[in-house]
């Protein structure tokens, strides 16, 4: 999609009243505004955890929690914390009761290659052995046995196209094969694990926001270029989350290389005949980039938190919203 077409689509969608489940604002008393953070659902404790990110005071290193029953926020008192960082990858390692954090942006534009684990029992952080080269604007997914990260921005903001796998039992890494056709190097994409495959949509490099979609077959270790029907307004910097019940990769907000922010929610249906469908909402959050999005599958709802306004955090948001997922597309 060209920028002109995306902007036209944005104008048309704003002009038309949407009909669908409304987003409802959640109180955020007790948690600081931020963008470029990561949120995960800690299913065992029925809460959403928020890590790091950045606001007007700079990069953050705290962990905040939202109780998914009461929607009340609290600060989690962790020890031996890693340095503040933004735009890193994180995923829950439920079998080992920990959260894994990979990379991130430190300072103005430098990337780190540090790997950290937060023990959810002791609330102590600990460094793990080195893995992929430094990177930020990266995402991670896991099945409880392995964790995968793709691409991101490395040294000198160079976009990367490598795929890495972490063995969670041994904390050792290997670079995955990528024979044949494979995705162009990129950052700030949407990522999911579903049906034994890694699924990726969107992202950007230094000059282009991509609206493509890819599938990595873990059994054959090969990428497959997809041709889903439909499209989205935003190509990158969205909040994204996997809905395992519907088999979709949901995105909310985002932009195209920082030129405008949107509020729309869309879903990539993860199937042999993939398609992108719009999820209309009668009430929508403020447009934003770099927010977090999670699926609270137990209650069949989305939770959106924070983000920035146009220009990678030139303004920082401190709001949270929830929306029923509704019927599967």
C-alpha atoms as a PDB file:
ATOM      1  CA  UNK A   1       0.000   0.000   0.000  1.00  0.00           C
ATOM      2  CA  UNK A   2       1.376   3.436  -0.889  1.00  0.00           C
ATOM      3  CA  UNK A   3       1.427   6.211   1.659  1.00  0.00           C
ATOM      4  CA  UNK A   4      -1.176   8.142  -0.325  1.00  0.00           C
ATOM      5  CA  UNK A   5      -3.480   5.135  -0.404  1.00  0.00           C
ATOM      6  CA  UNK A   6      -2.988   4.540   3.297  1.00  0.00           C
ATOM      7  CA  UNK A   7      -3.815   8.140   4.141  1.00  0.00           C
ATOM      8  CA  UNK A   8      -6.886   8.000   1.888  1.00  0.00           C
ATOM      9  CA  UNK A   9      -8.004   4.822   3.645  1.00  0.00           C
ATOM     10  CA  UNK A  10      -7.444   6.530   7.006  1.00  0.00           C
ATOM     11  CA  UNK A  11      -9.615   9.484   5.999  1.00  0.00           C
ATOM     12  CA  UNK A  12     -12.376   7.263   4.653  1.00  0.00           C
ATOM     13  CA  UNK A  13     -12.454   5.081   7.766  1.00  0.00           C
ATOM     14  CA  UNK A  14     -12.564   8.093  10.066  1.00  0.00           C
ATOM     15  CA  UNK A  15     -15.368   9.649   8.045  1.00  0.00           C
ATOM     16  CA  UNK A  16     -17.519   6.493   8.283  1.00  0.00           C
ATOM     17  CA  UNK A  17     -19.115   5.665  11.628  1.00  0.00           C
ATOM     18  CA  UNK A  18     -17.973   2.193  12.691  1.00  0.00           C
ATOM     19  CA  UNK A  19     -20.327  -0.339  14.200  1.00  0.00           C
ATOM     20  CA  UNK A  20     -18.905  -2.941  16.554  1.00  0.00           C
ATOM     21  CA  UNK A  21     -17.855  -3.600  20.165  1.00  0.00           C
ATOM     22  CA  UNK A  22     -16.654  -0.420  21.861  1.00  0.00           C
ATOM     23  CA  UNK A  23     -13.292   0.130  23.445  1.00  0.00           C
ATOM     24  CA  UNK A  24     -13.727   1.114  27.120  1.00  0.00           C
ATOM     25  CA  UNK A  25     -11.125   3.128  28.995  1.00  0.00           C
ATOM     26  CA  UNK A  26      -9.491   1.565  32.090  1.00  0.00           C
ATOM     27  CA  UNK A  27      -8.122   3.546  35.035  1.00  0.00           C
ATOM     28  CA  UNK A  28      -4.296   3.743  35.023  1.00  0.00           C
ATOM     29  CA  UNK A  29      -3.683   5.135  38.505  1.00  0.00           C
ATOM     30  CA  UNK A  30      -0.331   3.887  39.766  1.00  0.00           C
ATOM     31  CA  UNK A  31       1.482   3.257  36.484  1.00  0.00           C
ATOM     32  CA  UNK A  32       3.644   5.683  34.505  1.00  0.00           C
ATOM     33  CA  UNK A  33       3.043   6.628  30.868  1.00  0.00           C
ATOM     34  CA  UNK A  34       5.294   4.905  28.355  1.00  0.00           C
ATOM     35  CA  UNK A  35       5.810   3.763  24.771  1.00  0.00           C
ATOM     36  CA  UNK A  36       8.045   1.027  23.364  1.00  0.00           C
ATOM     37  CA  UNK A  37       7.286  -1.239  26.333  1.00  0.00           C
ATOM     38  CA  UNK A  38       6.153  -4.868  26.314  1.00  0.00           C
ATOM     39  CA  UNK A  39       3.092  -6.365  28.032  1.00  0.00           C
ATOM     40  CA  UNK A  40       2.391 -10.054  28.645  1.00  0.00           C
ATOM     41  CA  UNK A  41      -0.348 -12.015  30.401  1.00  0.00           C
ATOM     42  CA  UNK A  42       0.847 -13.934  33.473  1.00  0.00           C
ATOM     43  CA  UNK A  43      -1.911 -16.552  33.343  1.00  0.00           C
ATOM     44  CA  UNK A  44      -1.003 -18.284  36.625  1.00  0.00           C
ATOM     45  CA  UNK A  45      -1.484 -15.031  38.572  1.00  0.00           C
ATOM     46  CA  UNK A  46      -4.286 -13.626  36.409  1.00  0.00           C
ATOM     47  CA  UNK A  47      -2.496 -10.358  35.680  1.00  0.00           C
ATOM     48  CA  UNK A  48      -0.935  -8.352  32.891  1.00  0.00           C
ATOM     49  CA  UNK A  49       2.731  -7.415  33.352  1.00  0.00           C
ATOM     50  CA  UNK A  50       4.252  -4.325  31.719  1.00  0.00           C
ATOM     51  CA  UNK A  51       8.029  -3.943  31.326  1.00  0.00           C
ATOM     52  CA  UNK A  52      10.246  -0.979  30.507  1.00  0.00           C
ATOM     53  CA  UNK A  53       9.519   1.482  27.729  1.00  0.00           C
ATOM     54  CA  UNK A  54      10.166   5.189  27.595  1.00  0.00           C
ATOM     55  CA  UNK A  55       8.452   8.457  28.545  1.00  0.00           C
ATOM     56  CA  UNK A  56       9.334  12.124  29.092  1.00  0.00           C
ATOM     57  CA  UNK A  57      11.733  11.087  31.875  1.00  0.00           C
ATOM     58  CA  UNK A  58      13.633   8.665  29.629  1.00  0.00           C
ATOM     59  CA  UNK A  59      13.811   4.850  29.398  1.00  0.00           C
ATOM     60  CA  UNK A  60      12.200   2.871  32.224  1.00  0.00           C
ATOM     61  CA  UNK A  61      13.253  -0.317  34.037  1.00  0.00           C
ATOM     62  CA  UNK A  62      10.233  -0.990  36.236  1.00  0.00           C
ATOM     63  CA  UNK A  63       7.671  -3.793  36.131  1.00  0.00           C
ATOM     64  CA  UNK A  64       4.011  -2.860  36.595  1.00  0.00           C
ATOM     65  CA  UNK A  65       1.118  -5.272  36.995  1.00  0.00           C
ATOM     66  CA  UNK A  66      -2.592  -4.955  36.301  1.00  0.00           C
ATOM     67  CA  UNK A  67      -4.886  -7.399  38.097  1.00  0.00           C
ATOM     68  CA  UNK A  68      -7.150  -8.784  35.373  1.00  0.00           C
ATOM     69  CA  UNK A  69     -10.028  -9.261  37.812  1.00  0.00           C
ATOM     70  CA  UNK A  70     -10.047  -5.838  39.472  1.00  0.00           C
ATOM     71  CA  UNK A  71      -8.130  -3.879  36.765  1.00  0.00           C
ATOM     72  CA  UNK A  72      -6.083  -2.294  39.572  1.00  0.00           C
ATOM     73  CA  UNK A  73      -2.409  -1.457  38.958  1.00  0.00           C
ATOM     74  CA  UNK A  74       0.605  -2.027  41.195  1.00  0.00           C
ATOM     75  CA  UNK A  75       4.391  -1.877  40.915  1.00  0.00           C
ATOM     76  CA  UNK A  76       6.212  -5.220  41.156  1.00  0.00           C
ATOM     77  CA  UNK A  77       9.284  -4.861  43.438  1.00  0.00           C
ATOM     78  CA  UNK A  78      11.935  -6.702  41.425  1.00  0.00           C
ATOM     79  CA  UNK A  79      15.633  -6.923  42.311  1.00  0.00           C
ATOM     80  CA  UNK A  80      18.877  -6.875  40.286  1.00  0.00           C
ATOM     81  CA  UNK A  81      17.090  -5.040  37.495  1.00  0.00           C
ATOM     82  CA  UNK A  82      18.626  -4.700  34.017  1.00  0.00           C
ATOM     83  CA  UNK A  83      19.382  -1.216  32.734  1.00  0.00           C
ATOM     84  CA  UNK A  84      16.441   0.811  31.344  1.00  0.00           C
ATOM     85  CA  UNK A  85      15.505  -0.077  27.769  1.00  0.00           C
ATOM     86  CA  UNK A  86      12.916   0.420  25.039  1.00  0.00           C
ATOM     87  CA  UNK A  87      11.689  -1.593  22.026  1.00  0.00           C
ATOM     88  CA  UNK A  88      12.878  -4.989  23.302  1.00  0.00           C
ATOM     89  CA  UNK A  89      11.324  -8.446  22.995  1.00  0.00           C
ATOM     90  CA  UNK A  90       9.767 -10.338  25.899  1.00  0.00           C
ATOM     91  CA  UNK A  91       7.798 -13.550  26.354  1.00  0.00           C
ATOM     92  CA  UNK A  92       6.463 -15.691  29.191  1.00  0.00           C
ATOM     93  CA  UNK A  93       8.287 -18.964  29.887  1.00  0.00           C
ATOM     94  CA  UNK A  94       5.404 -20.464  31.873  1.00  0.00           C
ATOM     95  CA  UNK A  95       6.949 -23.909  32.555  1.00  0.00           C
ATOM     96  CA  UNK A  96       9.905 -22.244  34.302  1.00  0.00           C
ATOM     97  CA  UNK A  97       7.870 -19.456  35.925  1.00  0.00           C
ATOM     98  CA  UNK A  98       9.872 -16.653  34.334  1.00  0.00           C
ATOM     99  CA  UNK A  99       9.825 -13.943  31.705  1.00  0.00           C
ATOM    100  CA  UNK A 100      12.579 -13.726  29.074  1.00  0.00           C
ATOM    101  CA  UNK A 101      13.712 -10.326  27.755  1.00  0.00           C
ATOM    102  CA  UNK A 102      15.803 -10.043  24.580  1.00  0.00           C
ATOM    103  CA  UNK A 103      17.756  -7.008  23.389  1.00  0.00           C
ATOM    104  CA  UNK A 104      16.328  -3.502  23.322  1.00  0.00           C
ATOM    105  CA  UNK A 105      17.299   0.068  22.597  1.00  0.00           C
ATOM    106  CA  UNK A 106      19.530   1.748  25.165  1.00  0.00           C
ATOM    107  CA  UNK A 107      20.355   5.422  24.900  1.00  0.00           C
ATOM    108  CA  UNK A 108      19.400   7.368  21.796  1.00  0.00           C
ATOM    109  CA  UNK A 109      19.802   4.653  19.166  1.00  0.00           C
ATOM    110  CA  UNK A 110      22.188   1.946  20.417  1.00  0.00           C
ATOM    111  CA  UNK A 111      21.062  -1.680  20.601  1.00  0.00           C
ATOM    112  CA  UNK A 112      21.914  -4.200  23.292  1.00  0.00           C
ATOM    113  CA  UNK A 113      22.336  -7.939  22.920  1.00  0.00           C
ATOM    114  CA  UNK A 114      21.648  -8.681  26.589  1.00  0.00           C
ATOM    115  CA  UNK A 115      19.307 -11.544  27.500  1.00  0.00           C
ATOM    116  CA  UNK A 116      17.599 -11.384  30.911  1.00  0.00           C
ATOM    117  CA  UNK A 117      15.171 -13.553  32.862  1.00  0.00           C
ATOM    118  CA  UNK A 118      12.767 -12.411  35.570  1.00  0.00           C
ATOM    119  CA  UNK A 119      11.916 -15.180  38.051  1.00  0.00           C
ATOM    120  CA  UNK A 120       8.223 -14.653  38.854  1.00  0.00           C
ATOM    121  CA  UNK A 121       8.584 -16.483  42.153  1.00  0.00           C
ATOM    122  CA  UNK A 122      11.568 -14.634  43.649  1.00  0.00           C
ATOM    123  CA  UNK A 123      11.060 -11.453  41.540  1.00  0.00           C
ATOM    124  CA  UNK A 124      14.811 -11.407  40.876  1.00  0.00           C
ATOM    125  CA  UNK A 125      16.297 -10.605  37.471  1.00  0.00           C
ATOM    126  CA  UNK A 126      19.302 -12.565  36.231  1.00  0.00           C
ATOM    127  CA  UNK A 127      21.360 -12.330  33.030  1.00  0.00           C
ATOM    128  CA  UNK A 128      21.338 -15.287  30.627  1.00  0.00           C
ATOM    129  CA  UNK A 129      24.095 -16.384  28.215  1.00  0.00           C
ATOM    130  CA  UNK A 130      24.616 -14.263  25.130  1.00  0.00           C
ATOM    131  CA  UNK A 131      22.524 -14.979  22.051  1.00  0.00           C
ATOM    132  CA  UNK A 132      21.777 -13.074  18.840  1.00  0.00           C
ATOM    133  CA  UNK A 133      23.731  -9.923  17.971  1.00  0.00           C
ATOM    134  CA  UNK A 134      22.391  -6.675  19.509  1.00  0.00           C
ATOM    135  CA  UNK A 135      18.984  -5.508  18.249  1.00  0.00           C
ATOM    136  CA  UNK A 136      15.903  -3.500  19.141  1.00  0.00           C
ATOM    137  CA  UNK A 137      12.402  -3.008  17.660  1.00  0.00           C
ATOM    138  CA  UNK A 138      12.078  -6.792  17.864  1.00  0.00           C
ATOM    139  CA  UNK A 139       9.382  -9.239  19.028  1.00  0.00           C
ATOM    140  CA  UNK A 140       9.437 -12.724  20.562  1.00  0.00           C
ATOM    141  CA  UNK A 141       7.066 -15.704  20.679  1.00  0.00           C
ATOM    142  CA  UNK A 142       7.286 -18.983  22.574  1.00  0.00           C
ATOM    143  CA  UNK A 143       5.666 -22.389  22.949  1.00  0.00           C
ATOM    144  CA  UNK A 144       7.153 -23.087  26.383  1.00  0.00           C
ATOM    145  CA  UNK A 145       9.916 -25.219  24.863  1.00  0.00           C
ATOM    146  CA  UNK A 146      11.552 -22.703  22.537  1.00  0.00           C
ATOM    147  CA  UNK A 147      11.490 -18.930  22.056  1.00  0.00           C
ATOM    148  CA  UNK A 148      11.940 -17.240  18.670  1.00  0.00           C
ATOM    149  CA  UNK A 149      12.935 -13.711  17.630  1.00  0.00           C
ATOM    150  CA  UNK A 150      13.229 -12.282  14.126  1.00  0.00           C
ATOM    151  CA  UNK A 151      15.101  -9.294  12.761  1.00  0.00           C
ATOM    152  CA  UNK A 152      14.925  -5.908  14.427  1.00  0.00           C
ATOM    153  CA  UNK A 153      17.348  -2.992  14.223  1.00  0.00           C
ATOM    154  CA  UNK A 154      21.006  -3.687  14.884  1.00  0.00           C
ATOM    155  CA  UNK A 155      24.109  -1.513  14.968  1.00  0.00           C
ATOM    156  CA  UNK A 156      23.778   1.824  13.146  1.00  0.00           C
ATOM    157  CA  UNK A 157      19.993   1.147  12.935  1.00  0.00           C
ATOM    158  CA  UNK A 158      20.571  -1.441  10.217  1.00  0.00           C
ATOM    159  CA  UNK A 159      17.514  -3.650   9.737  1.00  0.00           C
ATOM    160  CA  UNK A 160      18.081  -7.397  10.226  1.00  0.00           C
ATOM    161  CA  UNK A 161      16.531 -10.474   8.607  1.00  0.00           C
ATOM    162  CA  UNK A 162      17.806 -13.316  10.806  1.00  0.00           C
ATOM    163  CA  UNK A 163      15.665 -15.751  12.805  1.00  0.00           C
ATOM    164  CA  UNK A 164      16.891 -17.149  16.125  1.00  0.00           C
ATOM    165  CA  UNK A 165      15.655 -19.931  18.420  1.00  0.00           C
ATOM    166  CA  UNK A 166      16.277 -20.186  22.170  1.00  0.00           C
ATOM    167  CA  UNK A 167      16.121 -23.608  23.846  1.00  0.00           C
ATOM    168  CA  UNK A 168      14.409 -22.717  27.127  1.00  0.00           C
ATOM    169  CA  UNK A 169      15.656 -25.831  28.949  1.00  0.00           C
ATOM    170  CA  UNK A 170      19.323 -25.055  28.299  1.00  0.00           C
ATOM    171  CA  UNK A 171      19.225 -21.292  27.564  1.00  0.00           C
ATOM    172  CA  UNK A 172      21.217 -21.872  24.367  1.00  0.00           C
ATOM    173  CA  UNK A 173      20.575 -20.216  21.018  1.00  0.00           C
ATOM    174  CA  UNK A 174      20.848 -21.246  17.387  1.00  0.00           C
ATOM    175  CA  UNK A 175      20.277 -19.289  14.189  1.00  0.00           C
ATOM    176  CA  UNK A 176      17.474 -20.842  12.145  1.00  0.00           C
ATOM    177  CA  UNK A 177      17.934 -21.717   8.458  1.00  0.00           C
ATOM    178  CA  UNK A 178      16.301 -19.412   5.924  1.00  0.00           C
ATOM    179  CA  UNK A 179      16.770 -21.048   2.499  1.00  0.00           C
ATOM    180  CA  UNK A 180      15.004 -19.699  -0.555  1.00  0.00           C
ATOM    181  CA  UNK A 181      12.596 -16.786  -0.439  1.00  0.00           C
ATOM    182  CA  UNK A 182      12.526 -15.029   2.929  1.00  0.00           C
ATOM    183  CA  UNK A 183      11.346 -11.707   4.378  1.00  0.00           C
ATOM    184  CA  UNK A 184      13.161  -8.467   3.676  1.00  0.00           C
ATOM    185  CA  UNK A 185      15.028  -7.202   6.739  1.00  0.00           C
ATOM    186  CA  UNK A 186      12.712  -5.244   9.015  1.00  0.00           C
ATOM    187  CA  UNK A 187      11.743  -4.036  12.473  1.00  0.00           C
ATOM    188  CA  UNK A 188       8.476  -3.282  14.320  1.00  0.00           C
ATOM    189  CA  UNK A 189       6.419  -6.107  12.801  1.00  0.00           C
ATOM    190  CA  UNK A 190       3.593  -8.230  14.273  1.00  0.00           C
ATOM    191  CA  UNK A 191       4.586 -11.771  15.277  1.00  0.00           C
ATOM    192  CA  UNK A 192       2.752 -14.914  16.418  1.00  0.00           C
ATOM    193  CA  UNK A 193       3.169 -18.664  16.882  1.00  0.00           C
ATOM    194  CA  UNK A 194       0.186 -20.676  15.682  1.00  0.00           C
ATOM    195  CA  UNK A 195      -0.343 -24.191  14.351  1.00  0.00           C
ATOM    196  CA  UNK A 196       3.332 -25.110  14.404  1.00  0.00           C
ATOM    197  CA  UNK A 197       4.371 -22.040  12.375  1.00  0.00           C
ATOM    198  CA  UNK A 198       5.709 -18.551  12.998  1.00  0.00           C
ATOM    199  CA  UNK A 199       3.556 -15.843  11.408  1.00  0.00           C
ATOM    200  CA  UNK A 200       4.720 -12.299  10.684  1.00  0.00           C
ATOM    201  CA  UNK A 201       2.991  -9.263   9.228  1.00  0.00           C
ATOM    202  CA  UNK A 202       4.182  -5.764   8.408  1.00  0.00           C
ATOM    203  CA  UNK A 203       7.229  -3.957   9.765  1.00  0.00           C
ATOM    204  CA  UNK A 204       9.604  -1.454   8.198  1.00  0.00           C
ATOM    205  CA  UNK A 205      13.199  -0.796   7.231  1.00  0.00           C
ATOM    206  CA  UNK A 206      14.848   2.622   6.910  1.00  0.00           C
ATOM    207  CA  UNK A 207      12.714   3.706   3.953  1.00  0.00           C
ATOM    208  CA  UNK A 208       9.686   1.424   3.540  1.00  0.00           C
ATOM    209  CA  UNK A 209       6.735   0.254   5.648  1.00  0.00           C
ATOM    210  CA  UNK A 210       5.767  -3.227   4.492  1.00  0.00           C
ATOM    211  CA  UNK A 211       2.238  -4.587   4.251  1.00  0.00           C
ATOM    212  CA  UNK A 212       3.257  -8.165   3.471  1.00  0.00           C
ATOM    213  CA  UNK A 213       2.806 -11.375   5.465  1.00  0.00           C
ATOM    214  CA  UNK A 214       5.009 -14.435   5.953  1.00  0.00           C
ATOM    215  CA  UNK A 215       4.871 -17.893   7.525  1.00  0.00           C
ATOM    216  CA  UNK A 216       7.866 -19.860   8.797  1.00  0.00           C
ATOM    217  CA  UNK A 217       7.200 -23.604   8.874  1.00  0.00           C
ATOM    218  CA  UNK A 218       9.061 -24.950  11.892  1.00  0.00           C
ATOM    219  CA  UNK A 219       8.902 -28.536  10.639  1.00  0.00           C
ATOM    220  CA  UNK A 220      10.635 -27.800   7.318  1.00  0.00           C
ATOM    221  CA  UNK A 221      12.490 -24.659   8.492  1.00  0.00           C
ATOM    222  CA  UNK A 222      11.484 -22.617   5.457  1.00  0.00           C
ATOM    223  CA  UNK A 223       9.728 -19.284   4.946  1.00  0.00           C
ATOM    224  CA  UNK A 224       6.583 -19.035   2.846  1.00  0.00           C
ATOM    225  CA  UNK A 225       5.445 -15.730   1.347  1.00  0.00           C
ATOM    226  CA  UNK A 226       1.706 -15.260   1.924  1.00  0.00           C
ATOM    227  CA  UNK A 227      -0.825 -13.368  -0.133  1.00  0.00           C
ATOM    228  CA  UNK A 228      -3.650 -12.580   2.287  1.00  0.00           C
ATOM    229  CA  UNK A 229      -6.734 -10.802   1.036  1.00  0.00           C
ATOM    230  CA  UNK A 230      -7.385  -7.408   2.596  1.00  0.00           C
ATOM    231  CA  UNK A 231      -4.961  -4.826   3.945  1.00  0.00           C
ATOM    232  CA  UNK A 232      -4.431  -2.451   6.845  1.00  0.00           C
ATOM    233  CA  UNK A 233      -3.803   1.274   7.136  1.00  0.00           C
ATOM    234  CA  UNK A 234      -0.749   0.928   9.411  1.00  0.00           C
ATOM    235  CA  UNK A 235       2.273  -1.088   8.374  1.00  0.00           C
ATOM    236  CA  UNK A 236       4.360  -0.969  11.556  1.00  0.00           C
ATOM    237  CA  UNK A 237       4.648   0.149  15.197  1.00  0.00           C
ATOM    238  CA  UNK A 238       1.280  -1.355  16.144  1.00  0.00           C
ATOM    239  CA  UNK A 239       0.320  -3.163  19.308  1.00  0.00           C
ATOM    240  CA  UNK A 240      -0.080  -6.827  18.395  1.00  0.00           C
ATOM    241  CA  UNK A 241      -1.287 -10.010  20.093  1.00  0.00           C
ATOM    242  CA  UNK A 242      -2.119 -13.600  19.177  1.00  0.00           C
ATOM    243  CA  UNK A 243      -5.664 -14.818  19.790  1.00  0.00           C
ATOM    244  CA  UNK A 244      -5.294 -18.627  20.087  1.00  0.00           C
ATOM    245  CA  UNK A 245      -9.033 -19.240  20.258  1.00  0.00           C
ATOM    246  CA  UNK A 246      -9.808 -17.559  16.925  1.00  0.00           C
ATOM    247  CA  UNK A 247      -6.425 -18.253  15.343  1.00  0.00           C
ATOM    248  CA  UNK A 248      -5.724 -14.615  14.527  1.00  0.00           C
ATOM    249  CA  UNK A 249      -2.888 -12.101  14.837  1.00  0.00           C
ATOM    250  CA  UNK A 250      -4.539  -8.874  16.014  1.00  0.00           C
ATOM    251  CA  UNK A 251      -3.039  -5.396  15.584  1.00  0.00           C
ATOM    252  CA  UNK A 252      -4.206  -2.070  17.023  1.00  0.00           C
ATOM    253  CA  UNK A 253      -2.858   1.410  16.288  1.00  0.00           C
ATOM    254  CA  UNK A 254       0.442   1.859  14.483  1.00  0.00           C
ATOM    255  CA  UNK A 255       1.744   4.032  11.682  1.00  0.00           C
ATOM    256  CA  UNK A 256       3.799   4.014   8.480  1.00  0.00           C
ATOM    257  CA  UNK A 257       7.347   5.221   9.189  1.00  0.00           C
ATOM    258  CA  UNK A 258       6.080   7.747  11.766  1.00  0.00           C
ATOM    259  CA  UNK A 259       4.006   9.760   9.277  1.00  0.00           C
ATOM    260  CA  UNK A 260       0.635   9.326  11.006  1.00  0.00           C
ATOM    261  CA  UNK A 261      -0.949   7.266  13.783  1.00  0.00           C
ATOM    262  CA  UNK A 262      -4.205   5.308  13.641  1.00  0.00           C
ATOM    263  CA  UNK A 263      -6.681   3.735  16.070  1.00  0.00           C
ATOM    264  CA  UNK A 264      -7.922   0.841  13.985  1.00  0.00           C
ATOM    265  CA  UNK A 265      -7.978  -2.814  15.020  1.00  0.00           C
ATOM    266  CA  UNK A 266      -7.426  -5.525  12.415  1.00  0.00           C
ATOM    267  CA  UNK A 267      -6.800  -9.271  12.423  1.00  0.00           C
ATOM    268  CA  UNK A 268      -4.775 -11.557  10.187  1.00  0.00           C
ATOM    269  CA  UNK A 269      -6.546 -14.931  10.040  1.00  0.00           C
ATOM    270  CA  UNK A 270      -3.820 -17.563  10.438  1.00  0.00           C
ATOM    271  CA  UNK A 271      -4.831 -20.293   8.018  1.00  0.00           C
ATOM    272  CA  UNK A 272      -3.858 -21.813   4.683  1.00  0.00           C
ATOM    273  CA  UNK A 273      -6.083 -19.130   3.141  1.00  0.00           C
ATOM    274  CA  UNK A 274      -5.024 -16.101   5.230  1.00  0.00           C
ATOM    275  CA  UNK A 275      -6.993 -12.879   5.112  1.00  0.00           C
ATOM    276  CA  UNK A 276      -6.899  -9.547   6.902  1.00  0.00           C
ATOM    277  CA  UNK A 277     -10.196  -8.417   8.382  1.00  0.00           C
ATOM    278  CA  UNK A 278     -11.097  -5.140  10.036  1.00  0.00           C
ATOM    279  CA  UNK A 279     -12.517  -5.319  13.573  1.00  0.00           C
ATOM    280  CA  UNK A 280     -14.817  -2.278  13.757  1.00  0.00           C
ATOM    281  CA  UNK A 281     -15.425  -0.445  17.036  1.00  0.00           C
ATOM    282  CA  UNK A 282     -18.099   2.116  17.821  1.00  0.00           C
ATOM    283  CA  UNK A 283     -15.700   3.827  20.252  1.00  0.00           C
ATOM    284  CA  UNK A 284     -11.961   3.765  19.511  1.00  0.00           C
ATOM    285  CA  UNK A 285      -8.868   4.809  21.524  1.00  0.00           C
ATOM    286  CA  UNK A 286      -6.757   7.818  20.622  1.00  0.00           C
ATOM    287  CA  UNK A 287      -4.428   7.142  17.645  1.00  0.00           C
ATOM    288  CA  UNK A 288      -1.009   5.900  18.777  1.00  0.00           C
ATOM    289  CA  UNK A 289       2.188   4.070  17.875  1.00  0.00           C
ATOM    290  CA  UNK A 290       4.366   1.662  19.922  1.00  0.00           C
ATOM    291  CA  UNK A 291       1.594   0.583  22.347  1.00  0.00           C
ATOM    292  CA  UNK A 292       1.225  -2.835  23.934  1.00  0.00           C
ATOM    293  CA  UNK A 293      -1.686  -5.155  23.209  1.00  0.00           C
ATOM    294  CA  UNK A 294      -2.583  -8.447  24.916  1.00  0.00           C
ATOM    295  CA  UNK A 295      -5.359 -11.005  24.604  1.00  0.00           C
ATOM    296  CA  UNK A 296      -7.015 -11.879  27.924  1.00  0.00           C
ATOM    297  CA  UNK A 297      -8.269 -15.186  26.574  1.00  0.00           C
ATOM    298  CA  UNK A 298     -10.063 -16.167  29.781  1.00  0.00           C
ATOM    299  CA  UNK A 299     -12.386 -13.177  29.377  1.00  0.00           C
ATOM    300  CA  UNK A 300     -12.199 -12.954  25.574  1.00  0.00           C
ATOM    301  CA  UNK A 301     -11.046  -9.354  25.473  1.00  0.00           C
ATOM    302  CA  UNK A 302      -8.201  -7.171  24.267  1.00  0.00           C
ATOM    303  CA  UNK A 303      -6.237  -4.829  26.535  1.00  0.00           C
ATOM    304  CA  UNK A 304      -4.334  -1.895  25.015  1.00  0.00           C
ATOM    305  CA  UNK A 305      -1.923   0.218  27.037  1.00  0.00           C
ATOM    306  CA  UNK A 306       0.127   3.336  26.430  1.00  0.00           C
ATOM    307  CA  UNK A 307       2.055   4.243  23.311  1.00  0.00           C
ATOM    308  CA  UNK A 308       3.317   7.407  21.695  1.00  0.00           C
ATOM    309  CA  UNK A 309       2.005   9.980  19.303  1.00  0.00           C
ATOM    310  CA  UNK A 310       3.473  10.834  15.883  1.00  0.00           C
ATOM    311  CA  UNK A 311       7.255  10.595  15.791  1.00  0.00           C
ATOM    312  CA  UNK A 312       8.327   7.699  18.041  1.00  0.00           C
ATOM    313  CA  UNK A 313       7.236   9.037  21.380  1.00  0.00           C
ATOM    314  CA  UNK A 314       7.265  12.801  20.865  1.00  0.00           C
ATOM    315  CA  UNK A 315       4.173  12.527  23.038  1.00  0.00           C
ATOM    316  CA  UNK A 316       3.564   9.691  25.518  1.00  0.00           C
ATOM    317  CA  UNK A 317       0.188   8.219  26.463  1.00  0.00           C
ATOM    318  CA  UNK A 318      -0.824   6.849  29.852  1.00  0.00           C
ATOM    319  CA  UNK A 319      -4.216   5.364  29.017  1.00  0.00           C
ATOM    320  CA  UNK A 320      -5.447   1.776  28.919  1.00  0.00           C
ATOM    321  CA  UNK A 321      -8.425   0.380  27.046  1.00  0.00           C
ATOM    322  CA  UNK A 322     -10.308  -2.901  26.807  1.00  0.00           C
ATOM    323  CA  UNK A 323     -12.518  -4.310  24.041  1.00  0.00           C
ATOM    324  CA  UNK A 324     -14.460  -7.570  23.744  1.00  0.00           C
ATOM    325  CA  UNK A 325     -12.992  -9.701  20.965  1.00  0.00           C
ATOM    326  CA  UNK A 326     -16.420 -10.757  19.769  1.00  0.00           C
ATOM    327  CA  UNK A 327     -17.089 -13.395  17.155  1.00  0.00           C
ATOM    328  CA  UNK A 328     -14.182 -15.010  15.317  1.00  0.00           C
ATOM    329  CA  UNK A 329     -13.760 -13.753  11.746  1.00  0.00           C
END
